[in-house]
PDB file of all heavy atoms in Angstrom:
ATOM      1  N   GLY A   1      91.639 175.740  49.660  1.00  0.00           N
ATOM      2  CA  GLY A   1      90.285 176.599  49.554  1.00  0.00           C
ATOM      3  C   GLY A   1      89.109 175.661  49.184  1.00  0.00           C
ATOM      4  O   GLY A   1      88.993 174.546  49.583  1.00  0.00           O
ATOM      5  N   LYS A   2      88.152 176.238  48.546  1.00  0.00           N
ATOM      6  CA  LYS A   2      86.920 175.532  48.269  1.00  0.00           C
ATOM      7  C   LYS A   2      87.128 174.530  47.262  1.00  0.00           C
ATOM      8  O   LYS A   2      87.938 174.735  46.263  1.00  0.00           O
ATOM      9  CB  LYS A   2      85.835 176.494  47.828  1.00  0.00           C
ATOM     10  CG  LYS A   2      85.302 177.372  48.992  1.00  0.00           C
ATOM     11  CD  LYS A   2      84.162 178.220  48.486  1.00  0.00           C
ATOM     12  CE  LYS A   2      83.611 179.114  49.647  1.00  0.00           C
ATOM     13  NZ  LYS A   2      82.495 180.068  49.167  1.00  0.00           N
ATOM     14  N   PRO A   3      86.524 173.400  47.309  1.00  0.00           N
ATOM     15  CA  PRO A   3      86.775 172.275  46.349  1.00  0.00           C
ATOM     16  C   PRO A   3      85.967 172.726  45.056  1.00  0.00           C
ATOM     17  O   PRO A   3      85.131 173.589  45.018  1.00  0.00           O
ATOM     18  CB  PRO A   3      86.076 171.079  46.971  1.00  0.00           C
ATOM     19  CG  PRO A   3      85.068 171.567  47.893  1.00  0.00           C
ATOM     20  CD  PRO A   3      85.674 172.768  48.406  1.00  0.00           C
ATOM     21  N   ASP A   4      86.430 172.080  43.882  1.00  0.00           N
ATOM     22  CA  ASP A   4      85.829 172.429  42.618  1.00  0.00           C
ATOM     23  C   ASP A   4      84.378 172.031  42.707  1.00  0.00           C
ATOM     24  O   ASP A   4      83.880 171.025  43.113  1.00  0.00           O
ATOM     25  CB  ASP A   4      86.440 171.556  41.554  1.00  0.00           C
ATOM     26  CG  ASP A   4      85.864 171.722  40.227  1.00  0.00           C
ATOM     27  OD1 ASP A   4      86.193 172.783  39.506  1.00  0.00           O
ATOM     28  OD2 ASP A   4      85.134 170.886  39.631  1.00  0.00           O
ATOM     29  N   SER A   5      83.523 173.055  42.474  1.00  0.00           N
ATOM     30  CA  SER A   5      82.046 172.885  42.687  1.00  0.00           C
ATOM     31  C   SER A   5      81.443 171.784  41.800  1.00  0.00           C
ATOM     32  O   SER A   5      80.596 170.993  42.177  1.00  0.00           O
ATOM     33  CB  SER A   5      81.337 174.278  42.406  1.00  0.00           C
ATOM     34  OG  SER A   5      81.541 174.655  41.051  1.00  0.00           O
ATOM     35  N   LYS A   6      81.859 171.664  40.509  1.00  0.00           N
ATOM     36  CA  LYS A   6      81.343 170.708  39.608  1.00  0.00           C
ATOM     37  C   LYS A   6      81.766 169.364  40.023  1.00  0.00           C
ATOM     38  O   LYS A   6      80.857 168.294  40.113  1.00  0.00           O
ATOM     39  CB  LYS A   6      81.801 170.924  38.185  1.00  0.00           C
ATOM     40  CG  LYS A   6      81.298 172.190  37.546  1.00  0.00           C
ATOM     41  CD  LYS A   6      81.836 172.317  36.153  1.00  0.00           C
ATOM     42  CE  LYS A   6      81.284 173.528  35.383  1.00  0.00           C
ATOM     43  NZ  LYS A   6      81.799 173.742  34.085  1.00  0.00           N
ATOM     44  N   ALA A   7      82.883 169.100  40.569  1.00  0.00           N
ATOM     45  CA  ALA A   7      83.299 167.889  41.085  1.00  0.00           C
ATOM     46  C   ALA A   7      82.696 167.424  42.351  1.00  0.00           C
ATOM     47  O   ALA A   7      82.225 166.279  42.371  1.00  0.00           O
ATOM     48  CB  ALA A   7      84.841 167.901  41.444  1.00  0.00           C
ATOM     49  N   LEU A   8      82.470 168.424  43.173  1.00  0.00           N
ATOM     50  CA  LEU A   8      81.812 168.036  44.414  1.00  0.00           C
ATOM     51  C   LEU A   8      80.328 167.725  44.167  1.00  0.00           C
ATOM     52  O   LEU A   8      79.791 166.798  44.778  1.00  0.00           O
ATOM     53  CB  LEU A   8      81.897 169.288  45.398  1.00  0.00           C
ATOM     54  CG  LEU A   8      81.277 169.149  46.876  1.00  0.00           C
ATOM     55  CD1 LEU A   8      82.017 167.955  47.485  1.00  0.00           C
ATOM     56  CD2 LEU A   8      81.407 170.373  47.682  1.00  0.00           C
ATOM     57  N   LYS A   9      79.737 168.456  43.304  1.00  0.00           N
ATOM     58  CA  LYS A   9      78.237 168.279  42.983  1.00  0.00           C
ATOM     59  C   LYS A   9      78.158 166.788  42.420  1.00  0.00           C
ATOM     60  O   LYS A   9      77.211 166.041  42.703  1.00  0.00           O
ATOM     61  CB  LYS A   9      77.719 169.223  41.842  1.00  0.00           C
ATOM     62  CG  LYS A   9      76.329 169.148  41.582  1.00  0.00           C
ATOM     63  CD  LYS A   9      75.929 170.083  40.560  1.00  0.00           C
ATOM     64  CE  LYS A   9      74.571 170.005  40.204  1.00  0.00           C
ATOM     65  NZ  LYS A   9      73.977 171.025  39.144  1.00  0.00           N
ATOM     66  N   ALA A  10      79.015 166.372  41.462  1.00  0.00           N
ATOM     67  CA  ALA A  10      78.998 165.082  40.952  1.00  0.00           C
ATOM     68  C   ALA A  10      79.241 163.963  41.889  1.00  0.00           C
ATOM     69  O   ALA A  10      78.552 162.983  41.874  1.00  0.00           O
ATOM     70  CB  ALA A  10      80.070 164.947  39.673  1.00  0.00           C
ATOM     71  N   CYS A  11      80.148 164.209  42.874  1.00  0.00           N
ATOM     72  CA  CYS A  11      80.357 163.137  43.911  1.00  0.00           C
ATOM     73  C   CYS A  11      79.264 162.990  44.829  1.00  0.00           C
ATOM     74  O   CYS A  11      78.911 161.876  45.096  1.00  0.00           O
ATOM     75  CB  CYS A  11      81.620 163.695  44.718  1.00  0.00           C
ATOM     76  SG  CYS A  11      83.236 163.582  44.086  1.00  0.00           S
ATOM     77  N   LYS A  12      78.539 164.111  45.129  1.00  0.00           N
ATOM     78  CA  LYS A  12      77.307 163.989  45.908  1.00  0.00           C
ATOM     79  C   LYS A  12      76.264 163.147  45.192  1.00  0.00           C
ATOM     80  O   LYS A  12      75.597 162.264  45.781  1.00  0.00           O
ATOM     81  CB  LYS A  12      76.712 165.361  46.174  1.00  0.00           C
ATOM     82  CG  LYS A  12      77.527 166.181  47.270  1.00  0.00           C
ATOM     83  CD  LYS A  12      76.935 167.526  47.424  1.00  0.00           C
ATOM     84  CE  LYS A  12      77.638 168.416  48.392  1.00  0.00           C
ATOM     85  NZ  LYS A  12      76.944 169.804  48.475  1.00  0.00           N
ATOM     86  N   LYS A  13      76.120 163.484  43.938  1.00  0.00           N
ATOM     87  CA  LYS A  13      75.018 162.855  43.220  1.00  0.00           C
ATOM     88  C   LYS A  13      75.267 161.337  42.938  1.00  0.00           C
ATOM     89  O   LYS A  13      74.359 160.538  43.027  1.00  0.00           O
ATOM     90  CB  LYS A  13      74.970 163.552  41.795  1.00  0.00           C
ATOM     91  CG  LYS A  13      73.851 163.028  40.959  1.00  0.00           C
ATOM     92  CD  LYS A  13      73.784 163.778  39.590  1.00  0.00           C
ATOM     93  CE  LYS A  13      72.654 163.153  38.615  1.00  0.00           C
ATOM     94  NZ  LYS A  13      72.586 164.021  37.441  1.00  0.00           N
ATOM     95  N   MET A  14      76.612 161.025  42.788  1.00  0.00           N
ATOM     96  CA  MET A  14      76.902 159.544  42.479  1.00  0.00           C
ATOM     97  C   MET A  14      77.220 158.802  43.670  1.00  0.00           C
ATOM     98  O   MET A  14      77.548 157.521  43.579  1.00  0.00           O
ATOM     99  CB  MET A  14      78.205 159.649  41.476  1.00  0.00           C
ATOM    100  CG  MET A  14      77.953 160.480  40.274  1.00  0.00           C
ATOM    101  SD  MET A  14      76.663 159.844  39.114  1.00  0.00           S
ATOM    102  CE  MET A  14      77.506 158.426  38.498  1.00  0.00           C
ATOM    103  N   SER A  15      77.194 159.430  44.883  1.00  0.00           N
ATOM    104  CA  SER A  15      77.662 158.719  46.137  1.00  0.00           C
ATOM    105  C   SER A  15      76.934 157.522  46.373  1.00  0.00           C
ATOM    106  O   SER A  15      77.540 156.563  47.051  1.00  0.00           O
ATOM    107  CB  SER A  15      77.645 159.628  47.259  1.00  0.00           C
ATOM    108  OG  SER A  15      76.335 160.093  47.477  1.00  0.00           O
ATOM    109  N   LYS A  16      75.782 157.334  46.057  1.00  0.00           N
ATOM    110  CA  LYS A  16      74.964 156.117  46.229  1.00  0.00           C
ATOM    111  C   LYS A  16      75.542 154.927  45.603  1.00  0.00           C
ATOM    112  O   LYS A  16      75.278 153.715  46.159  1.00  0.00           O
ATOM    113  CB  LYS A  16      73.551 156.277  45.811  1.00  0.00           C
ATOM    114  CG  LYS A  16      73.387 156.502  44.290  1.00  0.00           C
ATOM    115  CD  LYS A  16      71.961 156.702  43.971  1.00  0.00           C
ATOM    116  CE  LYS A  16      71.824 157.076  42.507  1.00  0.00           C
ATOM    117  NZ  LYS A  16      70.386 157.298  42.050  1.00  0.00           N
ATOM    118  N   PHE A  17      76.418 155.099  44.552  1.00  0.00           N
ATOM    119  CA  PHE A  17      77.039 153.959  43.885  1.00  0.00           C
ATOM    120  C   PHE A  17      78.255 153.400  44.651  1.00  0.00           C
ATOM    121  O   PHE A  17      78.930 152.478  44.206  1.00  0.00           O
ATOM    122  CB  PHE A  17      77.457 154.401  42.554  1.00  0.00           C
ATOM    123  CG  PHE A  17      76.137 154.639  41.572  1.00  0.00           C
ATOM    124  CD1 PHE A  17      75.926 155.980  41.181  1.00  0.00           C
ATOM    125  CD2 PHE A  17      75.340 153.592  41.238  1.00  0.00           C
ATOM    126  CE1 PHE A  17      74.797 156.199  40.398  1.00  0.00           C
ATOM    127  CE2 PHE A  17      74.296 153.861  40.356  1.00  0.00           C
ATOM    128  CZ  PHE A  17      73.992 155.089  40.055  1.00  0.00           C
ATOM    129  N   LEU A  18      78.682 154.162  45.730  1.00  0.00           N
ATOM    130  CA  LEU A  18      79.942 153.689  46.462  1.00  0.00           C
ATOM    131  C   LEU A  18      79.456 152.220  47.050  1.00  0.00           C
ATOM    132  O   LEU A  18      80.544 151.443  47.221  1.00  0.00           O
ATOM    133  CB  LEU A  18      80.069 154.643  47.645  1.00  0.00           C
ATOM    134  CG  LEU A  18      80.812 155.983  47.274  1.00  0.00           C
ATOM    135  CD1 LEU A  18      80.716 157.061  48.435  1.00  0.00           C
ATOM    136  CD2 LEU A  18      82.142 155.738  46.763  1.00  0.00           C
ATOM    137  N   THR A  19      78.285 151.925  47.265  1.00  0.00           N
ATOM    138  CA  THR A  19      77.933 150.510  47.787  1.00  0.00           C
ATOM    139  C   THR A  19      78.322 149.506  46.857  1.00  0.00           C
ATOM    140  O   THR A  19      78.420 148.313  47.325  1.00  0.00           O
ATOM    141  CB  THR A  19      76.458 150.509  48.104  1.00  0.00           C
ATOM    142  OG1 THR A  19      75.703 150.855  46.886  1.00  0.00           O
ATOM    143  CG2 THR A  19      76.021 151.541  49.148  1.00  0.00           C
ATOM    144  N   LYS A  20      78.591 149.850  45.579  1.00  0.00           N
ATOM    145  CA  LYS A  20      78.938 148.752  44.598  1.00  0.00           C
ATOM    146  C   LYS A  20      80.390 148.455  44.618  1.00  0.00           C
ATOM    147  O   LYS A  20      80.783 147.436  43.952  1.00  0.00           O
ATOM    148  CB  LYS A  20      78.544 149.386  43.175  1.00  0.00           C
ATOM    149  CG  LYS A  20      77.144 149.537  42.950  1.00  0.00           C
ATOM    150  CD  LYS A  20      76.844 149.902  41.495  1.00  0.00           C
ATOM    151  CE  LYS A  20      75.360 149.981  41.125  1.00  0.00           C
ATOM    152  NZ  LYS A  20      74.748 148.541  41.217  1.00  0.00           N
ATOM    153  N   LEU A  21      81.276 149.286  45.310  1.00  0.00           N
ATOM    154  CA  LEU A  21      82.595 149.013  45.399  1.00  0.00           C
ATOM    155  C   LEU A  21      82.958 147.967  46.475  1.00  0.00           C
ATOM    156  O   LEU A  21      82.223 147.834  47.557  1.00  0.00           O
ATOM    157  CB  LEU A  21      83.303 150.248  45.734  1.00  0.00           C
ATOM    158  CG  LEU A  21      83.286 151.503  44.701  1.00  0.00           C
ATOM    159  CD1 LEU A  21      83.802 152.771  45.311  1.00  0.00           C
ATOM    160  CD2 LEU A  21      84.044 151.054  43.568  1.00  0.00           C
ATOM    161  N   SER A  22      84.134 147.189  46.238  1.00  0.00           N
ATOM    162  CA  SER A  22      84.588 146.235  47.223  1.00  0.00           C
ATOM    163  C   SER A  22      85.034 146.911  48.456  1.00  0.00           C
ATOM    164  O   SER A  22      85.526 148.020  48.464  1.00  0.00           O
ATOM    165  CB  SER A  22      85.647 145.371  46.601  1.00  0.00           C
ATOM    166  OG  SER A  22      86.811 146.126  46.450  1.00  0.00           O
ATOM    167  N   SER A  23      84.903 146.100  49.565  1.00  0.00           N
ATOM    168  CA  SER A  23      85.285 146.680  50.838  1.00  0.00           C
ATOM    169  C   SER A  23      86.747 147.121  50.804  1.00  0.00           C
ATOM    170  O   SER A  23      87.156 148.130  51.412  1.00  0.00           O
ATOM    171  CB  SER A  23      85.027 145.662  51.862  1.00  0.00           C
ATOM    172  OG  SER A  23      83.679 145.430  51.959  1.00  0.00           O
ATOM    173  N   GLU A  24      87.636 146.263  50.247  1.00  0.00           N
ATOM    174  CA  GLU A  24      89.084 146.409  50.205  1.00  0.00           C
ATOM    175  C   GLU A  24      89.406 147.814  49.619  1.00  0.00           C
ATOM    176  O   GLU A  24      90.315 148.420  50.047  1.00  0.00           O
ATOM    177  CB  GLU A  24      89.799 145.271  49.474  1.00  0.00           C
ATOM    178  CG  GLU A  24      89.705 143.946  50.237  1.00  0.00           C
ATOM    179  CD  GLU A  24      88.333 143.082  50.078  1.00  0.00           C
ATOM    180  OE1 GLU A  24      87.436 143.677  49.224  1.00  0.00           O
ATOM    181  OE2 GLU A  24      88.278 141.925  50.576  1.00  0.00           O
ATOM    182  N   ARG A  25      88.702 147.969  48.385  1.00  0.00           N
ATOM    183  CA  ARG A  25      89.139 149.275  47.723  1.00  0.00           C
ATOM    184  C   ARG A  25      88.672 150.494  48.471  1.00  0.00           C
ATOM    185  O   ARG A  25      89.362 151.505  48.532  1.00  0.00           O
ATOM    186  CB  ARG A  25      88.396 149.208  46.347  1.00  0.00           C
ATOM    187  CG  ARG A  25      88.932 148.183  45.475  1.00  0.00           C
ATOM    188  CD  ARG A  25      88.238 148.304  44.050  1.00  0.00           C
ATOM    189  NE  ARG A  25      88.978 149.327  43.212  1.00  0.00           N
ATOM    190  CZ  ARG A  25      88.330 149.923  42.264  1.00  0.00           C
ATOM    191  NH1 ARG A  25      87.068 149.904  41.989  1.00  0.00           N
ATOM    192  NH2 ARG A  25      88.996 150.802  41.517  1.00  0.00           N
ATOM    193  N   VAL A  26      87.557 150.366  49.111  1.00  0.00           N
ATOM    194  CA  VAL A  26      86.988 151.432  49.839  1.00  0.00           C
ATOM    195  C   VAL A  26      87.953 151.788  51.128  1.00  0.00           C
ATOM    196  O   VAL A  26      88.289 152.973  51.367  1.00  0.00           O
ATOM    197  CB  VAL A  26      85.559 151.309  50.390  1.00  0.00           C
ATOM    198  CG1 VAL A  26      85.101 152.249  51.382  1.00  0.00           C
ATOM    199  CG2 VAL A  26      84.569 151.320  49.173  1.00  0.00           C
ATOM    200  N   TRP A  27      88.248 150.735  51.888  1.00  0.00           N
ATOM    201  CA  TRP A  27      89.122 150.904  53.053  1.00  0.00           C
ATOM    202  C   TRP A  27      90.469 151.453  52.673  1.00  0.00           C
ATOM    203  O   TRP A  27      91.014 152.273  53.354  1.00  0.00           O
ATOM    204  CB  TRP A  27      89.168 149.644  53.831  1.00  0.00           C
ATOM    205  CG  TRP A  27      89.951 149.765  55.198  1.00  0.00           C
ATOM    206  CD1 TRP A  27      90.875 148.804  55.553  1.00  0.00           C
ATOM    207  CD2 TRP A  27      89.919 150.680  56.188  1.00  0.00           C
ATOM    208  NE1 TRP A  27      91.388 149.085  56.867  1.00  0.00           N
ATOM    209  CE2 TRP A  27      90.793 150.346  57.233  1.00  0.00           C
ATOM    210  CE3 TRP A  27      89.076 151.905  56.358  1.00  0.00           C
ATOM    211  CZ2 TRP A  27      90.961 151.104  58.347  1.00  0.00           C
ATOM    212  CZ3 TRP A  27      89.304 152.630  57.402  1.00  0.00           C
ATOM    213  CH2 TRP A  27      90.210 152.283  58.381  1.00  0.00           C
ATOM    214  N   MET A  28      90.979 150.985  51.490  1.00  0.00           N
ATOM    215  CA  MET A  28      92.316 151.452  51.104  1.00  0.00           C
ATOM    216  C   MET A  28      92.320 152.936  50.912  1.00  0.00           C
ATOM    217  O   MET A  28      93.295 153.646  51.299  1.00  0.00           O
ATOM    218  CB  MET A  28      92.774 150.686  49.837  1.00  0.00           C
ATOM    219  CG  MET A  28      94.262 150.956  49.408  1.00  0.00           C
ATOM    220  SD  MET A  28      94.746 150.031  47.962  1.00  0.00           S
ATOM    221  CE  MET A  28      94.599 148.360  48.700  1.00  0.00           C
ATOM    222  N   GLU A  29      91.253 153.486  50.323  1.00  0.00           N
ATOM    223  CA  GLU A  29      91.204 154.929  50.042  1.00  0.00           C
ATOM    224  C   GLU A  29      90.936 155.646  51.377  1.00  0.00           C
ATOM    225  O   GLU A  29      91.486 156.704  51.672  1.00  0.00           O
ATOM    226  CB  GLU A  29      90.107 155.246  49.080  1.00  0.00           C
ATOM    227  CG  GLU A  29      90.464 154.908  47.576  1.00  0.00           C
ATOM    228  CD  GLU A  29      91.611 155.807  47.115  1.00  0.00           C
ATOM    229  OE1 GLU A  29      91.780 156.992  47.431  1.00  0.00           O
ATOM    230  OE2 GLU A  29      92.468 155.278  46.381  1.00  0.00           O
ATOM    231  N   MET A  30      89.962 155.102  52.137  1.00  0.00           N
ATOM    232  CA  MET A  30      89.648 155.797  53.401  1.00  0.00           C
ATOM    233  C   MET A  30      90.802 155.914  54.351  1.00  0.00           C
ATOM    234  O   MET A  30      90.991 156.861  55.061  1.00  0.00           O
ATOM    235  CB  MET A  30      88.412 155.003  54.112  1.00  0.00           C
ATOM    236  CG  MET A  30      87.139 155.468  53.563  1.00  0.00           C
ATOM    237  SD  MET A  30      86.729 157.184  53.530  1.00  0.00           S
ATOM    238  CE  MET A  30      86.799 157.572  55.185  1.00  0.00           C
ATOM    239  N   LYS A  31      91.689 154.866  54.533  1.00  0.00           N
ATOM    240  CA  LYS A  31      92.903 154.944  55.308  1.00  0.00           C
ATOM    241  C   LYS A  31      93.710 156.042  54.910  1.00  0.00           C
ATOM    242  O   LYS A  31      94.257 156.814  55.683  1.00  0.00           O
ATOM    243  CB  LYS A  31      93.562 153.601  55.159  1.00  0.00           C
ATOM    244  CG  LYS A  31      93.025 152.535  56.093  1.00  0.00           C
ATOM    245  CD  LYS A  31      93.936 151.312  56.253  1.00  0.00           C
ATOM    246  CE  LYS A  31      94.085 150.503  54.988  1.00  0.00           C
ATOM    247  NZ  LYS A  31      94.839 149.285  55.226  1.00  0.00           N
ATOM    248  N   LYS A  32      93.819 156.144  53.676  1.00  0.00           N
ATOM    249  CA  LYS A  32      94.735 157.324  53.089  1.00  0.00           C
ATOM    250  C   LYS A  32      94.154 158.643  53.425  1.00  0.00           C
ATOM    251  O   LYS A  32      94.818 159.613  53.708  1.00  0.00           O
ATOM    252  CB  LYS A  32      95.035 157.194  51.595  1.00  0.00           C
ATOM    253  CG  LYS A  32      95.788 155.877  51.211  1.00  0.00           C
ATOM    254  CD  LYS A  32      95.804 155.772  49.752  1.00  0.00           C
ATOM    255  CE  LYS A  32      96.661 154.601  49.384  1.00  0.00           C
ATOM    256  NZ  LYS A  32      96.647 154.357  47.883  1.00  0.00           N
ATOM    257  N   ILE A  33      92.806 158.785  53.279  1.00  0.00           N
ATOM    258  CA  ILE A  33      92.169 160.010  53.742  1.00  0.00           C
ATOM    259  C   ILE A  33      92.265 160.376  55.123  1.00  0.00           C
ATOM    260  O   ILE A  33      92.574 161.483  55.613  1.00  0.00           O
ATOM    261  CB  ILE A  33      90.710 160.033  53.209  1.00  0.00           C
ATOM    262  CG1 ILE A  33      90.485 159.955  51.746  1.00  0.00           C
ATOM    263  CG2 ILE A  33      89.864 161.239  53.720  1.00  0.00           C
ATOM    264  CD1 ILE A  33      89.150 159.639  51.244  1.00  0.00           C
ATOM    265  N   LEU A  34      92.090 159.370  56.004  1.00  0.00           N
ATOM    266  CA  LEU A  34      92.101 159.599  57.418  1.00  0.00           C
ATOM    267  C   LEU A  34      93.453 160.004  57.964  1.00  0.00           C
ATOM    268  O   LEU A  34      93.486 160.742  58.956  1.00  0.00           O
ATOM    269  CB  LEU A  34      91.668 158.266  58.209  1.00  0.00           C
ATOM    270  CG  LEU A  34      90.130 157.875  58.116  1.00  0.00           C
ATOM    271  CD1 LEU A  34      89.925 156.460  58.474  1.00  0.00           C
ATOM    272  CD2 LEU A  34      89.362 158.750  59.081  1.00  0.00           C
ATOM    273  N   ILE A  35      94.504 159.597  57.304  1.00  0.00           N
ATOM    274  CA  ILE A  35      95.782 160.037  57.735  1.00  0.00           C
ATOM    275  C   ILE A  35      96.511 161.157  56.914  1.00  0.00           C
ATOM    276  O   ILE A  35      97.553 161.471  57.085  1.00  0.00           O
ATOM    277  CB  ILE A  35      96.742 158.850  58.028  1.00  0.00           C
ATOM    278  CG1 ILE A  35      97.006 158.204  56.526  1.00  0.00           C
ATOM    279  CG2 ILE A  35      96.301 157.816  58.909  1.00  0.00           C
ATOM    280  CD1 ILE A  35      98.029 157.247  56.491  1.00  0.00           C
ATOM    281  N   SER A  36      95.665 161.753  55.988  1.00  0.00           N
ATOM    282  CA  SER A  36      96.236 162.839  55.122  1.00  0.00           C
ATOM    283  C   SER A  36      96.379 164.096  55.958  1.00  0.00           C
ATOM    284  O   SER A  36      95.845 164.255  57.051  1.00  0.00           O
ATOM    285  CB  SER A  36      95.249 163.120  53.934  1.00  0.00           C
ATOM    286  OG  SER A  36      93.989 163.560  54.414  1.00  0.00           O
ATOM    287  N   LYS A  37      97.112 165.058  55.335  1.00  0.00           N
ATOM    288  CA  LYS A  37      97.465 166.193  56.085  1.00  0.00           C
ATOM    289  C   LYS A  37      96.338 167.216  56.465  1.00  0.00           C
ATOM    290  O   LYS A  37      96.268 168.015  57.359  1.00  0.00           O
ATOM    291  CB  LYS A  37      98.611 166.996  55.410  1.00  0.00           C
ATOM    292  CG  LYS A  37      98.160 167.529  54.070  1.00  0.00           C
ATOM    293  CD  LYS A  37      99.364 168.303  53.401  1.00  0.00           C
ATOM    294  CE  LYS A  37      98.879 168.895  51.926  1.00  0.00           C
ATOM    295  NZ  LYS A  37      99.861 169.550  51.332  1.00  0.00           N
ATOM    296  N   ARG A  38      95.215 167.003  55.747  1.00  0.00           N
ATOM    297  CA  ARG A  38      93.995 167.879  55.890  1.00  0.00           C
ATOM    298  C   ARG A  38      92.787 166.989  56.185  1.00  0.00           C
ATOM    299  O   ARG A  38      91.681 167.262  55.830  1.00  0.00           O
ATOM    300  CB  ARG A  38      93.774 168.696  54.677  1.00  0.00           C
ATOM    301  CG  ARG A  38      94.856 169.785  54.416  1.00  0.00           C
ATOM    302  CD  ARG A  38      94.718 170.598  53.172  1.00  0.00           C
ATOM    303  NE  ARG A  38      93.387 171.262  53.127  1.00  0.00           N
ATOM    304  CZ  ARG A  38      92.464 170.984  52.078  1.00  0.00           C
ATOM    305  NH1 ARG A  38      92.799 170.175  51.155  1.00  0.00           N
ATOM    306  NH2 ARG A  38      91.333 171.710  52.118  1.00  0.00           N
ATOM    307  N   SER A  39      93.083 165.926  57.000  1.00  0.00           N
ATOM    308  CA  SER A  39      92.040 164.803  57.063  1.00  0.00           C
ATOM    309  C   SER A  39      90.829 165.455  57.781  1.00  0.00           C
ATOM    310  O   SER A  39      89.701 165.041  57.401  1.00  0.00           O
ATOM    311  CB  SER A  39      92.556 163.635  57.800  1.00  0.00           C
ATOM    312  OG  SER A  39      92.998 164.053  59.077  1.00  0.00           O
ATOM    313  N   PHE A  40      90.977 166.252  58.815  1.00  0.00           N
ATOM    314  CA  PHE A  40      89.702 166.660  59.444  1.00  0.00           C
ATOM    315  C   PHE A  40      88.740 167.473  58.576  1.00  0.00           C
ATOM    316  O   PHE A  40      87.598 167.338  58.417  1.00  0.00           O
ATOM    317  CB  PHE A  40      90.030 167.562  60.630  1.00  0.00           C
ATOM    318  CG  PHE A  40      88.805 168.098  61.504  1.00  0.00           C
ATOM    319  CD1 PHE A  40      88.073 167.337  62.130  1.00  0.00           C
ATOM    320  CD2 PHE A  40      88.366 169.388  61.179  1.00  0.00           C
ATOM    321  CE1 PHE A  40      86.831 167.654  62.893  1.00  0.00           C
ATOM    322  CE2 PHE A  40      87.195 169.785  61.794  1.00  0.00           C
ATOM    323  CZ  PHE A  40      86.512 168.909  62.566  1.00  0.00           C
ATOM    324  N   ASP A  41      89.403 168.446  57.752  1.00  0.00           N
ATOM    325  CA  ASP A  41      88.613 169.404  56.947  1.00  0.00           C
ATOM    326  C   ASP A  41      87.900 168.443  55.745  1.00  0.00           C
ATOM    327  O   ASP A  41      86.798 168.711  55.506  1.00  0.00           O
ATOM    328  CB  ASP A  41      89.495 170.406  56.283  1.00  0.00           C
ATOM    329  CG  ASP A  41      89.948 171.427  57.258  1.00  0.00           C
ATOM    330  OD1 ASP A  41      89.245 171.612  58.348  1.00  0.00           O
ATOM    331  OD2 ASP A  41      90.957 172.046  57.019  1.00  0.00           O
TER     332      ASP A  41
END
């Protein structure tokens, strides 16, 4: 269903700080998201 509205709002607001994360940590999470069962949505 719809994601938690407070969580999504916070993620949008704080997303600019993703640039502070190491490449390895980001790619590790993104790989998991890309092959997850609902990856397209």
